[in-house]
């Protein structure tokens, strides 16, 4: 597993936020994206978890 630091964590959180703003294709059914922050003990820091809810 790659070692995460604060800079890479913020970059991945920004990328997850950017994915939410991209337009959806018309062929996909409408869904919601839920972004949750959880504490990861192995990393020792907060981690973003992105779920798709239909």
PDB file of N, CA and C in Angstrom:
ATOM      1  N   UNK A   1       0.848  -1.170   0.000  1.00  0.00           N
ATOM      2  CA  UNK A   1       0.000   0.000   0.000  1.00  0.00           C
ATOM      3  C   UNK A   1       0.895   1.236   0.000  1.00  0.00           C
ATOM      4  N   UNK A   2       0.582   2.219  -0.868  1.00  0.00           N
ATOM      5  CA  UNK A   2       1.425   3.404  -0.908  1.00  0.00           C
ATOM      6  C   UNK A   2       1.275   4.225   0.369  1.00  0.00           C
ATOM      7  N   UNK A   3       2.346   4.874   0.726  1.00  0.00           N
ATOM      8  CA  UNK A   3       2.323   5.686   1.933  1.00  0.00           C
ATOM      9  C   UNK A   3       1.643   7.020   1.628  1.00  0.00           C
ATOM     10  N   UNK A   4       0.617   7.328   2.391  1.00  0.00           N
ATOM     11  CA  UNK A   4      -0.110   8.575   2.181  1.00  0.00           C
ATOM     12  C   UNK A   4       0.387   9.634   3.146  1.00  0.00           C
ATOM     13  N   UNK A   5       0.541  10.831   2.628  1.00  0.00           N
ATOM     14  CA  UNK A   5       0.820  11.966   3.494  1.00  0.00           C
ATOM     15  C   UNK A   5      -0.312  12.969   3.317  1.00  0.00           C
ATOM     16  N   UNK A   6      -0.195  14.081   3.956  1.00  0.00           N
ATOM     17  CA  UNK A   6      -1.285  15.061   3.913  1.00  0.00           C
ATOM     18  C   UNK A   6      -1.534  15.570   2.502  1.00  0.00           C
ATOM     19  N   UNK A   7      -0.466  15.778   1.734  1.00  0.00           N
ATOM     20  CA  UNK A   7      -0.623  16.309   0.379  1.00  0.00           C
ATOM     21  C   UNK A   7      -1.355  15.329  -0.530  1.00  0.00           C
ATOM     22  N   UNK A   8      -0.997  14.040  -0.470  1.00  0.00           N
ATOM     23  CA  UNK A   8      -1.677  13.064  -1.324  1.00  0.00           C
ATOM     24  C   UNK A   8      -3.113  12.824  -0.869  1.00  0.00           C
ATOM     25  N   UNK A   9      -3.356  12.915   0.429  1.00  0.00           N
ATOM     26  CA  UNK A   9      -4.728  12.775   0.918  1.00  0.00           C
ATOM     27  C   UNK A   9      -5.596  13.923   0.404  1.00  0.00           C
ATOM     28  N   UNK A  10      -5.090  15.152   0.477  1.00  0.00           N
ATOM     29  CA  UNK A  10      -5.860  16.288  -0.015  1.00  0.00           C
ATOM     30  C   UNK A  10      -6.072  16.202  -1.520  1.00  0.00           C
ATOM     31  N   UNK A  11      -5.076  15.713  -2.243  1.00  0.00           N
ATOM     32  CA  UNK A  11      -5.233  15.546  -3.689  1.00  0.00           C
ATOM     33  C   UNK A  11      -6.297  14.511  -4.011  1.00  0.00           C
ATOM     34  N   UNK A  12      -6.326  13.404  -3.274  1.00  0.00           N
ATOM     35  CA  UNK A  12      -7.338  12.381  -3.534  1.00  0.00           C
ATOM     36  C   UNK A  12      -8.731  12.865  -3.140  1.00  0.00           C
ATOM     37  N   UNK A  13      -8.828  13.661  -2.081  1.00  0.00           N
ATOM     38  CA  UNK A  13     -10.127  14.218  -1.695  1.00  0.00           C
ATOM     39  C   UNK A  13     -10.619  15.207  -2.745  1.00  0.00           C
ATOM     40  N   UNK A  14      -9.704  15.999  -3.297  1.00  0.00           N
ATOM     41  CA  UNK A  14     -10.089  16.936  -4.358  1.00  0.00           C
ATOM     42  C   UNK A  14     -10.522  16.192  -5.614  1.00  0.00           C
ATOM     43  N   UNK A  15      -9.845  15.089  -5.925  1.00  0.00           N
ATOM     44  CA  UNK A  15     -10.230  14.294  -7.092  1.00  0.00           C
ATOM     45  C   UNK A  15     -11.607  13.681  -6.901  1.00  0.00           C
ATOM     46  N   UNK A  16     -11.900  13.218  -5.684  1.00  0.00           N
ATOM     47  CA  UNK A  16     -13.226  12.654  -5.403  1.00  0.00           C
ATOM     48  C   UNK A  16     -14.297  13.734  -5.537  1.00  0.00           C
ATOM     49  N   UNK A  17     -13.982  14.942  -5.117  1.00  0.00           N
ATOM     50  CA  UNK A  17     -14.934  16.044  -5.269  1.00  0.00           C
ATOM     51  C   UNK A  17     -15.133  16.429  -6.718  1.00  0.00           C
ATOM     52  N   UNK A  18     -14.068  16.334  -7.521  1.00  0.00           N
ATOM     53  CA  UNK A  18     -14.173  16.677  -8.947  1.00  0.00           C
ATOM     54  C   UNK A  18     -15.038  15.669  -9.687  1.00  0.00           C
ATOM     55  N   UNK A  19     -14.962  14.410  -9.289  1.00  0.00           N
ATOM     56  CA  UNK A  19     -15.777  13.378  -9.937  1.00  0.00           C
ATOM     57  C   UNK A  19     -17.253  13.662  -9.724  1.00  0.00           C
ATOM     58  N   UNK A  20     -17.590  14.211  -8.584  1.00  0.00           N
ATOM     59  CA  UNK A  20     -19.001  14.517  -8.296  1.00  0.00           C
ATOM     60  C   UNK A  20     -19.540  15.603  -9.192  1.00  0.00           C
ATOM     61  N   UNK A  21     -18.691  16.522  -9.655  1.00  0.00           N
ATOM     62  CA  UNK A  21     -19.173  17.654 -10.439  1.00  0.00           C
ATOM     63  C   UNK A  21     -19.212  17.362 -11.926  1.00  0.00           C
ATOM     64  N   UNK A  22     -18.625  16.246 -12.378  1.00  0.00           N
ATOM     65  CA  UNK A  22     -18.654  15.912 -13.789  1.00  0.00           C
ATOM     66  C   UNK A  22     -20.078  15.557 -14.206  1.00  0.00           C
ATOM     67  N   UNK A  23     -20.472  15.918 -15.428  1.00  0.00           N
ATOM     68  CA  UNK A  23     -21.843  15.607 -15.859  1.00  0.00           C
ATOM     69  C   UNK A  23     -22.042  14.110 -16.030  1.00  0.00           C
ATOM     70  N   UNK A  24     -23.234  13.645 -15.675  1.00  0.00           N
ATOM     71  CA  UNK A  24     -23.578  12.228 -15.806  1.00  0.00           C
ATOM     72  C   UNK A  24     -23.997  11.941 -17.234  1.00  0.00           C
ATOM     73  N   UNK A  25     -23.694  10.757 -17.709  1.00  0.00           N
ATOM     74  CA  UNK A  25     -24.173  10.361 -19.036  1.00  0.00           C
ATOM     75  C   UNK A  25     -25.647  10.023 -18.935  1.00  0.00           C
ATOM     76  N   UNK A  26     -26.344  10.160 -20.040  1.00  0.00           N
ATOM     77  CA  UNK A  26     -27.793   9.934 -20.029  1.00  0.00           C
ATOM     78  C   UNK A  26     -28.144   8.462 -19.930  1.00  0.00           C
ATOM     79  N   UNK A  27     -27.209   7.570 -20.268  1.00  0.00           N
ATOM     80  CA  UNK A  27     -27.532   6.145 -20.246  1.00  0.00           C
ATOM     81  C   UNK A  27     -27.551   5.583 -18.820  1.00  0.00           C
ATOM     82  N   UNK A  28     -26.904   6.253 -17.893  1.00  0.00           N
ATOM     83  CA  UNK A  28     -26.884   5.736 -16.524  1.00  0.00           C
ATOM     84  C   UNK A  28     -28.117   6.189 -15.760  1.00  0.00           C
ATOM     85  N   UNK A  29     -28.549   5.349 -14.854  1.00  0.00           N
ATOM     86  CA  UNK A  29     -29.678   5.702 -13.994  1.00  0.00           C
ATOM     87  C   UNK A  29     -29.218   6.765 -13.001  1.00  0.00           C
ATOM     88  N   UNK A  30     -30.102   7.667 -12.602  1.00  0.00           N
ATOM     89  CA  UNK A  30     -29.697   8.700 -11.642  1.00  0.00           C
ATOM     90  C   UNK A  30     -29.299   8.085 -10.294  1.00  0.00           C
ATOM     91  N   UNK A  31     -28.235   8.571  -9.738  1.00  0.00           N
ATOM     92  CA  UNK A  31     -27.758   8.067  -8.460  1.00  0.00           C
ATOM     93  C   UNK A  31     -27.111   9.209  -7.693  1.00  0.00           C
ATOM     94  N   UNK A  32     -26.960   8.995  -6.396  1.00  0.00           N
ATOM     95  CA  UNK A  32     -26.305   9.990  -5.545  1.00  0.00           C
ATOM     96  C   UNK A  32     -24.966   9.451  -5.103  1.00  0.00           C
ATOM     97  N   UNK A  33     -24.009  10.336  -4.979  1.00  0.00           N
ATOM     98  CA  UNK A  33     -22.703   9.965  -4.464  1.00  0.00           C
ATOM     99  C   UNK A  33     -22.603  10.516  -3.050  1.00  0.00           C
ATOM    100  N   UNK A  34     -22.244   9.650  -2.111  1.00  0.00           N
ATOM    101  CA  UNK A  34     -22.112  10.041  -0.714  1.00  0.00           C
ATOM    102  C   UNK A  34     -20.638   9.966  -0.339  1.00  0.00           C
ATOM    103  N   UNK A  35     -20.061  11.088   0.037  1.00  0.00           N
ATOM    104  CA  UNK A  35     -18.662  11.142   0.449  1.00  0.00           C
ATOM    105  C   UNK A  35     -18.613  11.185   1.970  1.00  0.00           C
ATOM    106  N   UNK A  36     -17.935  10.204   2.560  1.00  0.00           N
ATOM    107  CA  UNK A  36     -17.851  10.077   4.011  1.00  0.00           C
ATOM    108  C   UNK A  36     -16.394  10.078   4.425  1.00  0.00           C
ATOM    109  N   UNK A  37     -16.074  10.778   5.497  1.00  0.00           N
ATOM    110  CA  UNK A  37     -14.729  10.749   6.050  1.00  0.00           C
ATOM    111  C   UNK A  37     -14.694   9.764   7.210  1.00  0.00           C
ATOM    112  N   UNK A  38     -13.755   8.828   7.170  1.00  0.00           N
ATOM    113  CA  UNK A  38     -13.610   7.845   8.237  1.00  0.00           C
ATOM    114  C   UNK A  38     -12.171   7.873   8.723  1.00  0.00           C
ATOM    115  N   UNK A  39     -11.976   7.480   9.977  1.00  0.00           N
ATOM    116  CA  UNK A  39     -10.629   7.409  10.532  1.00  0.00           C
ATOM    117  C   UNK A  39     -10.053   6.032  10.262  1.00  0.00           C
ATOM    118  N   UNK A  40      -8.923   5.986   9.590  1.00  0.00           N
ATOM    119  CA  UNK A  40      -8.249   4.730   9.262  1.00  0.00           C
ATOM    120  C   UNK A  40      -7.103   4.540  10.242  1.00  0.00           C
ATOM    121  N   UNK A  41      -7.222   3.519  11.095  1.00  0.00           N
ATOM    122  CA  UNK A  41      -6.197   3.301  12.124  1.00  0.00           C
ATOM    123  C   UNK A  41      -4.857   2.910  11.512  1.00  0.00           C
ATOM    124  N   UNK A  42      -4.883   2.143  10.408  1.00  0.00           N
ATOM    125  CA  UNK A  42      -3.621   1.709   9.807  1.00  0.00           C
ATOM    126  C   UNK A  42      -2.855   2.882   9.214  1.00  0.00           C
ATOM    127  N   UNK A  43      -3.566   3.879   8.679  1.00  0.00           N
ATOM    128  CA  UNK A  43      -2.911   5.071   8.149  1.00  0.00           C
ATOM    129  C   UNK A  43      -2.659   6.101   9.230  1.00  0.00           C
ATOM    130  N   UNK A  44      -3.479   6.068  10.277  1.00  0.00           N
ATOM    131  CA  UNK A  44      -3.357   7.053  11.342  1.00  0.00           C
ATOM    132  C   UNK A  44      -3.899   8.406  10.952  1.00  0.00           C
ATOM    133  N   UNK A  45      -4.853   8.424  10.026  1.00  0.00           N
ATOM    134  CA  UNK A  45      -5.416   9.693   9.566  1.00  0.00           C
ATOM    135  C   UNK A  45      -6.814   9.458   9.000  1.00  0.00           C
ATOM    136  N   UNK A  46      -7.482  10.537   8.672  1.00  0.00           N
ATOM    137  CA  UNK A  46      -8.809  10.445   8.074  1.00  0.00           C
ATOM    138  C   UNK A  46      -8.675  10.035   6.610  1.00  0.00           C
ATOM    139  N   UNK A  47      -9.711   9.304   6.119  1.00  0.00           N
ATOM    140  CA  UNK A  47      -9.715   8.819   4.744  1.00  0.00           C
ATOM    141  C   UNK A  47     -11.098   9.067   4.161  1.00  0.00           C
ATOM    142  N   UNK A  48     -11.154   9.442   2.879  1.00  0.00           N
ATOM    143  CA  UNK A  48     -12.427   9.685   2.207  1.00  0.00           C
ATOM    144  C   UNK A  48     -12.942   8.397   1.587  1.00  0.00           C
ATOM    145  N   UNK A  49     -14.229   8.110   1.824  1.00  0.00           N
ATOM    146  CA  UNK A  49     -14.881   6.940   1.238  1.00  0.00           C
ATOM    147  C   UNK A  49     -16.052   7.455   0.406  1.00  0.00           C
ATOM    148  N   UNK A  50     -16.037   7.129  -0.884  1.00  0.00           N
ATOM    149  CA  UNK A  50     -17.081   7.598  -1.793  1.00  0.00           C
ATOM    150  C   UNK A  50     -17.987   6.422  -2.141  1.00  0.00           C
ATOM    151  N   UNK A  51     -19.298   6.563  -1.841  1.00  0.00           N
ATOM    152  CA  UNK A  51     -20.262   5.494  -2.141  1.00  0.00           C
ATOM    153  C   UNK A  51     -21.277   6.008  -3.131  1.00  0.00           C
ATOM    154  N   UNK A  52     -21.813   5.105  -3.969  1.00  0.00           N
ATOM    155  CA  UNK A  52     -22.874   5.449  -4.893  1.00  0.00           C
ATOM    156  C   UNK A  52     -24.165   4.839  -4.373  1.00  0.00           C
ATOM    157  N   UNK A  53     -25.183   5.675  -4.179  1.00  0.00           N
ATOM    158  CA  UNK A  53     -26.484   5.243  -3.660  1.00  0.00           C
ATOM    159  C   UNK A  53     -27.514   5.466  -4.749  1.00  0.00           C
ATOM    160  N   UNK A  54     -28.236   4.415  -5.089  1.00  0.00           N
ATOM    161  CA  UNK A  54     -29.255   4.531  -6.146  1.00  0.00           C
ATOM    162  C   UNK A  54     -30.619   4.753  -5.576  1.00  0.00           C
TER     163      UNK A  54
END
